[in-house]
PDB file of N, CA and C in Angstrom:
ATOM      1  N   UNK A   1     322.754 106.019  68.565  1.00  0.00           N
ATOM      2  CA  UNK A   1     321.592 104.990  70.109  1.00  0.00           C
ATOM      3  C   UNK A   1     322.265 105.325  71.181  1.00  0.00           C
ATOM      4  N   UNK A   2     321.328 105.297  71.952  1.00  0.00           N
ATOM      5  CA  UNK A   2     321.447 105.261  73.127  1.00  0.00           C
ATOM      6  C   UNK A   2     320.911 103.852  74.187  1.00  0.00           C
ATOM      7  N   UNK A   3     321.837 103.753  75.036  1.00  0.00           N
ATOM      8  CA  UNK A   3     321.408 102.059  75.294  1.00  0.00           C
ATOM      9  C   UNK A   3     320.502 102.457  76.983  1.00  0.00           C
ATOM     10  N   UNK A   4     319.458 101.614  77.295  1.00  0.00           N
ATOM     11  CA  UNK A   4     319.042 102.481  78.526  1.00  0.00           C
ATOM     12  C   UNK A   4     318.613 101.729  79.595  1.00  0.00           C
ATOM     13  N   UNK A   5     318.751 102.037  80.880  1.00  0.00           N
ATOM     14  CA  UNK A   5     317.772 100.384  81.853  1.00  0.00           C
ATOM     15  C   UNK A   5     316.717 100.946  82.773  1.00  0.00           C
ATOM     16  N   UNK A   6     315.542 101.179  82.839  1.00  0.00           N
ATOM     17  CA  UNK A   6     314.482 101.703  82.969  1.00  0.00           C
ATOM     18  C   UNK A   6     314.201 101.494  84.181  1.00  0.00           C
ATOM     19  N   UNK A   7     313.936 101.853  85.072  1.00  0.00           N
ATOM     20  CA  UNK A   7     312.934 101.589  86.322  1.00  0.00           C
ATOM     21  C   UNK A   7     311.666 102.590  86.118  1.00  0.00           C
ATOM     22  N   UNK A   8     310.553 102.077  86.239  1.00  0.00           N
ATOM     23  CA  UNK A   8     309.093 102.678  86.231  1.00  0.00           C
ATOM     24  C   UNK A   8     309.048 103.047  87.425  1.00  0.00           C
ATOM     25  N   UNK A   9     307.847 103.633  87.655  1.00  0.00           N
ATOM     26  CA  UNK A   9     307.410 103.879  88.765  1.00  0.00           C
ATOM     27  C   UNK A   9     307.726 103.824  90.014  1.00  0.00           C
ATOM     28  N   UNK A  10     308.871 104.957  89.770  1.00  0.00           N
ATOM     29  CA  UNK A  10     310.033 104.964  91.118  1.00  0.00           C
ATOM     30  C   UNK A  10     309.429 106.238  91.764  1.00  0.00           C
ATOM     31  N   UNK A  11     310.219 106.321  92.459  1.00  0.00           N
ATOM     32  CA  UNK A  11     310.010 107.745  93.780  1.00  0.00           C
ATOM     33  C   UNK A  11     310.152 109.171  92.821  1.00  0.00           C
ATOM     34  N   UNK A  12     311.078 109.781  92.097  1.00  0.00           N
ATOM     35  CA  UNK A  12     311.494 110.924  90.885  1.00  0.00           C
ATOM     36  C   UNK A  12     311.866 109.856  89.799  1.00  0.00           C
ATOM     37  N   UNK A  13     311.586 110.940  88.667  1.00  0.00           N
ATOM     38  CA  UNK A  13     312.368 110.939  87.376  1.00  0.00           C
ATOM     39  C   UNK A  13     314.046 111.168  87.715  1.00  0.00           C
ATOM     40  N   UNK A  14     314.401 110.523  87.435  1.00  0.00           N
ATOM     41  CA  UNK A  14     315.881 111.000  87.805  1.00  0.00           C
ATOM     42  C   UNK A  14     317.056 110.063  86.900  1.00  0.00           C
ATOM     43  N   UNK A  15     318.459 110.327  86.097  1.00  0.00           N
ATOM     44  CA  UNK A  15     319.006 109.630  86.014  1.00  0.00           C
ATOM     45  C   UNK A  15     320.189 108.839  86.964  1.00  0.00           C
ATOM     46  N   UNK A  16     320.069 107.737  86.567  1.00  0.00           N
ATOM     47  CA  UNK A  16     321.154 107.535  88.264  1.00  0.00           C
ATOM     48  C   UNK A  16     321.874 107.081  88.528  1.00  0.00           C
ATOM     49  N   UNK A  17     322.046 106.813  86.993  1.00  0.00           N
ATOM     50  CA  UNK A  17     324.079 105.923  87.036  1.00  0.00           C
ATOM     51  C   UNK A  17     323.637 105.060  85.876  1.00  0.00           C
ATOM     52  N   UNK A  18     324.965 103.758  86.019  1.00  0.00           N
ATOM     53  CA  UNK A  18     325.087 102.949  84.473  1.00  0.00           C
ATOM     54  C   UNK A  18     324.972 102.055  84.913  1.00  0.00           C
ATOM     55  N   UNK A  19     324.084 100.701  84.660  1.00  0.00           N
ATOM     56  CA  UNK A  19     323.710  99.280  84.394  1.00  0.00           C
ATOM     57  C   UNK A  19     324.155  98.270  83.230  1.00  0.00           C
ATOM     58  N   UNK A  20     325.640  97.844  83.472  1.00  0.00           N
ATOM     59  CA  UNK A  20     325.970  97.136  82.023  1.00  0.00           C
ATOM     60  C   UNK A  20     326.577  97.436  80.805  1.00  0.00           C
ATOM     61  N   UNK A  21     326.351  99.032  80.841  1.00  0.00           N
ATOM     62  CA  UNK A  21     327.204  99.454  79.597  1.00  0.00           C
ATOM     63  C   UNK A  21     325.292 100.453  79.837  1.00  0.00           C
ATOM     64  N   UNK A  22     324.525 100.244  80.205  1.00  0.00           N
ATOM     65  CA  UNK A  22     323.465 101.015  79.267  1.00  0.00           C
ATOM     66  C   UNK A  22     323.547 101.980  80.805  1.00  0.00           C
ATOM     67  N   UNK A  23     323.012 103.312  80.514  1.00  0.00           N
ATOM     68  CA  UNK A  23     322.508 104.706  81.219  1.00  0.00           C
ATOM     69  C   UNK A  23     321.406 104.167  82.131  1.00  0.00           C
ATOM     70  N   UNK A  24     320.973 103.497  83.655  1.00  0.00           N
ATOM     71  CA  UNK A  24     319.940 104.003  84.370  1.00  0.00           C
ATOM     72  C   UNK A  24     319.032 104.963  84.661  1.00  0.00           C
ATOM     73  N   UNK A  25     317.874 104.687  84.672  1.00  0.00           N
ATOM     74  CA  UNK A  25     317.099 105.560  83.834  1.00  0.00           C
ATOM     75  C   UNK A  25     315.949 105.852  85.075  1.00  0.00           C
ATOM     76  N   UNK A  26     315.158 106.743  85.768  1.00  0.00           N
ATOM     77  CA  UNK A  26     313.959 106.539  86.738  1.00  0.00           C
ATOM     78  C   UNK A  26     313.296 107.117  86.666  1.00  0.00           C
ATOM     79  N   UNK A  27     311.469 106.139  86.001  1.00  0.00           N
ATOM     80  CA  UNK A  27     310.745 107.621  86.026  1.00  0.00           C
ATOM     81  C   UNK A  27     309.503 107.188  87.236  1.00  0.00           C
ATOM     82  N   UNK A  28     308.774 108.223  87.558  1.00  0.00           N
ATOM     83  CA  UNK A  28     307.697 108.163  88.515  1.00  0.00           C
ATOM     84  C   UNK A  28     306.377 107.326  87.738  1.00  0.00           C
ATOM     85  N   UNK A  29     305.870 107.372  86.203  1.00  0.00           N
ATOM     86  CA  UNK A  29     305.049 106.994  85.479  1.00  0.00           C
ATOM     87  C   UNK A  29     304.645 105.827  85.527  1.00  0.00           C
ATOM     88  N   UNK A  30     304.275 104.770  84.927  1.00  0.00           N
ATOM     89  CA  UNK A  30     304.106 103.667  84.961  1.00  0.00           C
ATOM     90  C   UNK A  30     304.382 102.878  84.104  1.00  0.00           C
ATOM     91  N   UNK A  31     304.846 101.468  83.720  1.00  0.00           N
ATOM     92  CA  UNK A  31     304.887 100.706  82.427  1.00  0.00           C
ATOM     93  C   UNK A  31     303.654 100.263  81.739  1.00  0.00           C
ATOM     94  N   UNK A  32     302.837 101.732  81.519  1.00  0.00           N
ATOM     95  CA  UNK A  32     301.029 100.824  81.472  1.00  0.00           C
ATOM     96  C   UNK A  32     300.356 101.934  79.578  1.00  0.00           C
ATOM     97  N   UNK A  33     300.967 101.529  78.535  1.00  0.00           N
ATOM     98  CA  UNK A  33     300.402 102.193  77.398  1.00  0.00           C
ATOM     99  C   UNK A  33     301.334 103.572  77.283  1.00  0.00           C
ATOM    100  N   UNK A  34     302.367 103.437  77.042  1.00  0.00           N
ATOM    101  CA  UNK A  34     303.738 103.832  76.957  1.00  0.00           C
ATOM    102  C   UNK A  34     304.123 105.351  77.610  1.00  0.00           C
ATOM    103  N   UNK A  35     302.768 105.114  78.782  1.00  0.00           N
ATOM    104  CA  UNK A  35     303.716 106.656  79.880  1.00  0.00           C
ATOM    105  C   UNK A  35     304.930 106.276  79.778  1.00  0.00           C
ATOM    106  N   UNK A  36     305.423 105.240  80.551  1.00  0.00           N
ATOM    107  CA  UNK A  36     306.761 105.049  81.184  1.00  0.00           C
ATOM    108  C   UNK A  36     307.635 106.090  79.800  1.00  0.00           C
ATOM    109  N   UNK A  37     307.659 105.291  78.889  1.00  0.00           N
ATOM    110  CA  UNK A  37     308.141 105.407  77.906  1.00  0.00           C
ATOM    111  C   UNK A  37     308.214 106.810  77.425  1.00  0.00           C
ATOM    112  N   UNK A  38     307.450 107.687  77.726  1.00  0.00           N
ATOM    113  CA  UNK A  38     307.227 108.753  76.922  1.00  0.00           C
ATOM    114  C   UNK A  38     308.142 109.486  78.192  1.00  0.00           C
ATOM    115  N   UNK A  39     308.108 109.632  79.476  1.00  0.00           N
ATOM    116  CA  UNK A  39     308.491 109.330  80.638  1.00  0.00           C
ATOM    117  C   UNK A  39     309.522 109.816  80.395  1.00  0.00           C
ATOM    118  N   UNK A  40     310.258 108.367  80.198  1.00  0.00           N
ATOM    119  CA  UNK A  40     311.849 108.670  79.194  1.00  0.00           C
ATOM    120  C   UNK A  40     312.143 109.975  78.694  1.00  0.00           C
ATOM    121  N   UNK A  41     311.238 109.436  77.417  1.00  0.00           N
ATOM    122  CA  UNK A  41     312.119 110.768  76.535  1.00  0.00           C
ATOM    123  C   UNK A  41     311.440 111.863  77.345  1.00  0.00           C
ATOM    124  N   UNK A  42     310.930 112.912  77.801  1.00  0.00           N
ATOM    125  CA  UNK A  42     310.960 113.556  78.453  1.00  0.00           C
ATOM    126  C   UNK A  42     312.226 114.467  79.278  1.00  0.00           C
ATOM    127  N   UNK A  43     312.659 113.507  80.016  1.00  0.00           N
ATOM    128  CA  UNK A  43     313.633 113.179  80.653  1.00  0.00           C
ATOM    129  C   UNK A  43     314.477 113.741  80.276  1.00  0.00           C
ATOM    130  N   UNK A  44     314.721 112.675  78.925  1.00  0.00           N
ATOM    131  CA  UNK A  44     316.099 112.939  78.423  1.00  0.00           C
ATOM    132  C   UNK A  44     316.002 114.334  77.599  1.00  0.00           C
ATOM    133  N   UNK A  45     314.792 114.594  76.847  1.00  0.00           N
ATOM    134  CA  UNK A  45     314.878 115.994  76.567  1.00  0.00           C
ATOM    135  C   UNK A  45     315.319 116.784  77.550  1.00  0.00           C
ATOM    136  N   UNK A  46     314.969 117.001  78.176  1.00  0.00           N
ATOM    137  CA  UNK A  46     314.645 117.871  79.776  1.00  0.00           C
ATOM    138  C   UNK A  46     316.236 118.281  79.774  1.00  0.00           C
ATOM    139  N   UNK A  47     317.501 116.770  80.541  1.00  0.00           N
ATOM    140  CA  UNK A  47     318.672 117.138  80.559  1.00  0.00           C
ATOM    141  C   UNK A  47     319.347 117.812  79.640  1.00  0.00           C
ATOM    142  N   UNK A  48     318.441 117.069  78.409  1.00  0.00           N
ATOM    143  CA  UNK A  48     319.941 117.878  77.345  1.00  0.00           C
ATOM    144  C   UNK A  48     319.085 118.901  76.985  1.00  0.00           C
ATOM    145  N   UNK A  49     318.331 119.666  77.052  1.00  0.00           N
ATOM    146  CA  UNK A  49     317.836 121.000  77.399  1.00  0.00           C
ATOM    147  C   UNK A  49     317.836 120.514  75.155  1.00  0.00           C
ATOM    148  N   UNK A  50     317.272 119.580  74.545  1.00  0.00           N
ATOM    149  CA  UNK A  50     316.455 119.788  73.272  1.00  0.00           C
ATOM    150  C   UNK A  50     314.900 118.980  72.879  1.00  0.00           C
ATOM    151  N   UNK A  51     314.433 119.658  72.274  1.00  0.00           N
ATOM    152  CA  UNK A  51     312.685 118.710  72.137  1.00  0.00           C
ATOM    153  C   UNK A  51     312.707 117.548  71.908  1.00  0.00           C
ATOM    154  N   UNK A  52     311.439 117.260  72.347  1.00  0.00           N
ATOM    155  CA  UNK A  52     311.024 115.591  73.165  1.00  0.00           C
ATOM    156  C   UNK A  52     311.443 115.392  71.494  1.00  0.00           C
ATOM    157  N   UNK A  53     310.687 115.276  70.405  1.00  0.00           N
ATOM    158  CA  UNK A  53     310.840 115.208  68.944  1.00  0.00           C
ATOM    159  C   UNK A  53     312.443 114.494  68.533  1.00  0.00           C
ATOM    160  N   UNK A  54     313.232 115.610  69.573  1.00  0.00           N
ATOM    161  CA  UNK A  54     314.431 115.010  68.965  1.00  0.00           C
ATOM    162  C   UNK A  54     315.121 113.639  68.848  1.00  0.00           C
ATOM    163  N   UNK A  55     314.484 112.479  69.846  1.00  0.00           N
ATOM    164  CA  UNK A  55     314.294 111.744  70.544  1.00  0.00           C
ATOM    165  C   UNK A  55     313.294 110.252  70.660  1.00  0.00           C
ATOM    166  N   UNK A  56     313.270 109.336  69.835  1.00  0.00           N
ATOM    167  CA  UNK A  56     312.748 108.114  69.667  1.00  0.00           C
ATOM    168  C   UNK A  56     312.959 107.004  71.198  1.00  0.00           C
ATOM    169  N   UNK A  57     312.141 106.433  70.809  1.00  0.00           N
ATOM    170  CA  UNK A  57     312.119 104.467  71.051  1.00  0.00           C
ATOM    171  C   UNK A  57     312.755 104.141  69.765  1.00  0.00           C
ATOM    172  N   UNK A  58     313.407 103.305  69.739  1.00  0.00           N
ATOM    173  CA  UNK A  58     314.221 102.676  68.377  1.00  0.00           C
ATOM    174  C   UNK A  58     313.513 101.071  68.622  1.00  0.00           C
ATOM    175  N   UNK A  59     313.814 100.350  70.101  1.00  0.00           N
ATOM    176  CA  UNK A  59     313.975  99.019  70.399  1.00  0.00           C
ATOM    177  C   UNK A  59     313.632  99.029  71.860  1.00  0.00           C
ATOM    178  N   UNK A  60     312.271  98.604  72.360  1.00  0.00           N
ATOM    179  CA  UNK A  60     312.464  97.625  73.785  1.00  0.00           C
ATOM    180  C   UNK A  60     311.114  98.786  74.049  1.00  0.00           C
ATOM    181  N   UNK A  61     310.311  99.214  73.055  1.00  0.00           N
ATOM    182  CA  UNK A  61     308.439  99.489  73.636  1.00  0.00           C
ATOM    183  C   UNK A  61     308.020  98.922  74.926  1.00  0.00           C
ATOM    184  N   UNK A  62     308.301  97.507  75.327  1.00  0.00           N
ATOM    185  CA  UNK A  62     307.720  96.886  76.227  1.00  0.00           C
ATOM    186  C   UNK A  62     308.686  95.875  77.390  1.00  0.00           C
ATOM    187  N   UNK A  63     310.331  96.773  77.486  1.00  0.00           N
ATOM    188  CA  UNK A  63     311.298  96.083  78.255  1.00  0.00           C
ATOM    189  C   UNK A  63     312.010  97.097  78.601  1.00  0.00           C
ATOM    190  N   UNK A  64     311.928  96.396  80.137  1.00  0.00           N
ATOM    191  CA  UNK A  64     313.239  97.832  81.019  1.00  0.00           C
ATOM    192  C   UNK A  64     314.336  98.016  80.186  1.00  0.00           C
ATOM    193  N   UNK A  65     314.976  97.244  79.025  1.00  0.00           N
ATOM    194  CA  UNK A  65     316.162  97.877  77.990  1.00  0.00           C
ATOM    195  C   UNK A  65     315.742  97.651  77.045  1.00  0.00           C
ATOM    196  N   UNK A  66     315.742  99.107  76.741  1.00  0.00           N
ATOM    197  CA  UNK A  66     315.463 100.732  75.519  1.00  0.00           C
ATOM    198  C   UNK A  66     316.884 100.819  74.922  1.00  0.00           C
ATOM    199  N   UNK A  67     316.847 100.501  73.409  1.00  0.00           N
ATOM    200  CA  UNK A  67     317.009 102.017  72.875  1.00  0.00           C
ATOM    201  C   UNK A  67     316.980 103.078  71.863  1.00  0.00           C
ATOM    202  N   UNK A  68     317.139 104.349  71.891  1.00  0.00           N
ATOM    203  CA  UNK A  68     316.586 105.111  71.769  1.00  0.00           C
ATOM    204  C   UNK A  68     317.486 106.353  70.810  1.00  0.00           C
ATOM    205  N   UNK A  69     317.055 106.658  70.023  1.00  0.00           N
ATOM    206  CA  UNK A  69     318.317 107.563  69.318  1.00  0.00           C
ATOM    207  C   UNK A  69     317.834 109.167  69.314  1.00  0.00           C
ATOM    208  N   UNK A  70     318.772 109.560  69.336  1.00  0.00           N
ATOM    209  CA  UNK A  70     318.660 111.238  69.408  1.00  0.00           C
ATOM    210  C   UNK A  70     319.085 111.918  68.831  1.00  0.00           C
ATOM    211  N   UNK A  71     318.126 113.175  67.677  1.00  0.00           N
ATOM    212  CA  UNK A  71     318.302 112.558  66.684  1.00  0.00           C
ATOM    213  C   UNK A  71     319.142 114.888  66.091  1.00  0.00           C
ATOM    214  N   UNK A  72     319.857 114.686  67.505  1.00  0.00           N
ATOM    215  CA  UNK A  72     319.816 116.569  67.672  1.00  0.00           C
ATOM    216  C   UNK A  72     320.596 116.400  68.981  1.00  0.00           C
ATOM    217  N   UNK A  73     321.314 118.126  68.496  1.00  0.00           N
ATOM    218  CA  UNK A  73     321.728 117.902  70.199  1.00  0.00           C
ATOM    219  C   UNK A  73     323.783 118.025  69.813  1.00  0.00           C
ATOM    220  N   UNK A  74     323.628 117.317  69.461  1.00  0.00           N
ATOM    221  CA  UNK A  74     325.374 117.397  69.177  1.00  0.00           C
ATOM    222  C   UNK A  74     326.166 115.841  68.564  1.00  0.00           C
ATOM    223  N   UNK A  75     326.843 115.763  68.491  1.00  0.00           N
ATOM    224  CA  UNK A  75     328.038 114.301  68.943  1.00  0.00           C
ATOM    225  C   UNK A  75     327.150 113.271  70.021  1.00  0.00           C
ATOM    226  N   UNK A  76     327.213 111.720  69.233  1.00  0.00           N
ATOM    227  CA  UNK A  76     326.915 110.961  70.411  1.00  0.00           C
ATOM    228  C   UNK A  76     327.567 111.003  71.584  1.00  0.00           C
ATOM    229  N   UNK A  77     328.783 111.599  71.557  1.00  0.00           N
ATOM    230  CA  UNK A  77     329.777 111.277  72.227  1.00  0.00           C
ATOM    231  C   UNK A  77     328.590 112.456  73.844  1.00  0.00           C
ATOM    232  N   UNK A  78     329.499 114.081  73.191  1.00  0.00           N
ATOM    233  CA  UNK A  78     328.710 114.508  73.385  1.00  0.00           C
ATOM    234  C   UNK A  78     327.437 114.673  73.939  1.00  0.00           C
ATOM    235  N   UNK A  79     326.579 113.867  73.859  1.00  0.00           N
ATOM    236  CA  UNK A  79     325.068 113.683  74.284  1.00  0.00           C
ATOM    237  C   UNK A  79     325.213 113.125  75.247  1.00  0.00           C
ATOM    238  N   UNK A  80     325.990 111.765  75.382  1.00  0.00           N
ATOM    239  CA  UNK A  80     326.244 110.984  76.914  1.00  0.00           C
ATOM    240  C   UNK A  80     327.189 111.594  77.439  1.00  0.00           C
ATOM    241  N   UNK A  81     328.208 112.771  77.526  1.00  0.00           N
ATOM    242  CA  UNK A  81     328.849 112.779  78.342  1.00  0.00           C
ATOM    243  C   UNK A  81     328.029 113.991  79.459  1.00  0.00           C
ATOM    244  N   UNK A  82     326.889 114.204  78.498  1.00  0.00           N
ATOM    245  CA  UNK A  82     326.132 115.724  79.075  1.00  0.00           C
ATOM    246  C   UNK A  82     324.783 114.933  79.664  1.00  0.00           C
ATOM    247  N   UNK A  83     324.714 113.926  79.686  1.00  0.00           N
ATOM    248  CA  UNK A  83     323.443 112.816  80.305  1.00  0.00           C
ATOM    249  C   UNK A  83     324.554 111.739  81.401  1.00  0.00           C
ATOM    250  N   UNK A  84     325.709 111.593  81.038  1.00  0.00           N
ATOM    251  CA  UNK A  84     326.521 111.048  82.937  1.00  0.00           C
ATOM    252  C   UNK A  84     326.554 111.749  83.624  1.00  0.00           C
ATOM    253  N   UNK A  85     326.841 113.254  83.198  1.00  0.00           N
ATOM    254  CA  UNK A  85     326.825 114.050  83.982  1.00  0.00           C
ATOM    255  C   UNK A  85     326.116 113.668  85.350  1.00  0.00           C
ATOM    256  N   UNK A  86     324.866 114.238  84.687  1.00  0.00           N
ATOM    257  CA  UNK A  86     323.663 114.760  84.864  1.00  0.00           C
ATOM    258  C   UNK A  86     323.107 113.489  85.653  1.00  0.00           C
ATOM    259  N   UNK A  87     323.710 112.422  86.136  1.00  0.00           N
ATOM    260  CA  UNK A  87     323.500 110.935  86.941  1.00  0.00           C
ATOM    261  C   UNK A  87     323.865 111.460  88.515  1.00  0.00           C
ATOM    262  N   UNK A  88     322.225 110.426  88.941  1.00  0.00           N
ATOM    263  CA  UNK A  88     322.550 111.336  90.744  1.00  0.00           C
ATOM    264  C   UNK A  88     323.215 110.411  91.744  1.00  0.00           C
ATOM    265  N   UNK A  89     323.492 108.551  91.033  1.00  0.00           N
ATOM    266  CA  UNK A  89     324.565 107.918  92.040  1.00  0.00           C
ATOM    267  C   UNK A  89     326.107 108.162  90.735  1.00  0.00           C
ATOM    268  N   UNK A  90     326.784 109.248  92.033  1.00  0.00           N
ATOM    269  CA  UNK A  90     328.149 109.403  91.773  1.00  0.00           C
ATOM    270  C   UNK A  90     329.221 108.675  91.508  1.00  0.00           C
ATOM    271  N   UNK A  91     329.207 107.301  92.203  1.00  0.00           N
ATOM    272  CA  UNK A  91     330.216 105.834  91.986  1.00  0.00           C
ATOM    273  C   UNK A  91     330.097 105.880  90.584  1.00  0.00           C
ATOM    274  N   UNK A  92     330.176 105.792  89.858  1.00  0.00           N
ATOM    275  CA  UNK A  92     330.151 104.991  88.889  1.00  0.00           C
ATOM    276  C   UNK A  92     331.263 105.983  88.012  1.00  0.00           C
TER     277      UNK A  92
END
């Protein structure tokens, strides 16, 4: 399970760093009818080179704070390392 802090309606889709133990994710889609959630899943899938079907929002469907499950692609530690290496904010 991965904790995310999502910023919808951002200028661009990106993994921007870490916030309170959660990965910060920015997406351009608005938080309307699941559009931002779908954009988050696509961004994580693209970053990890996985099919979007491997990733699912478990909790926080209508919140900025989300918990997602990644069912393929390696161990939780390996996936977290890949996502952290893709952050645009290298200060953390």
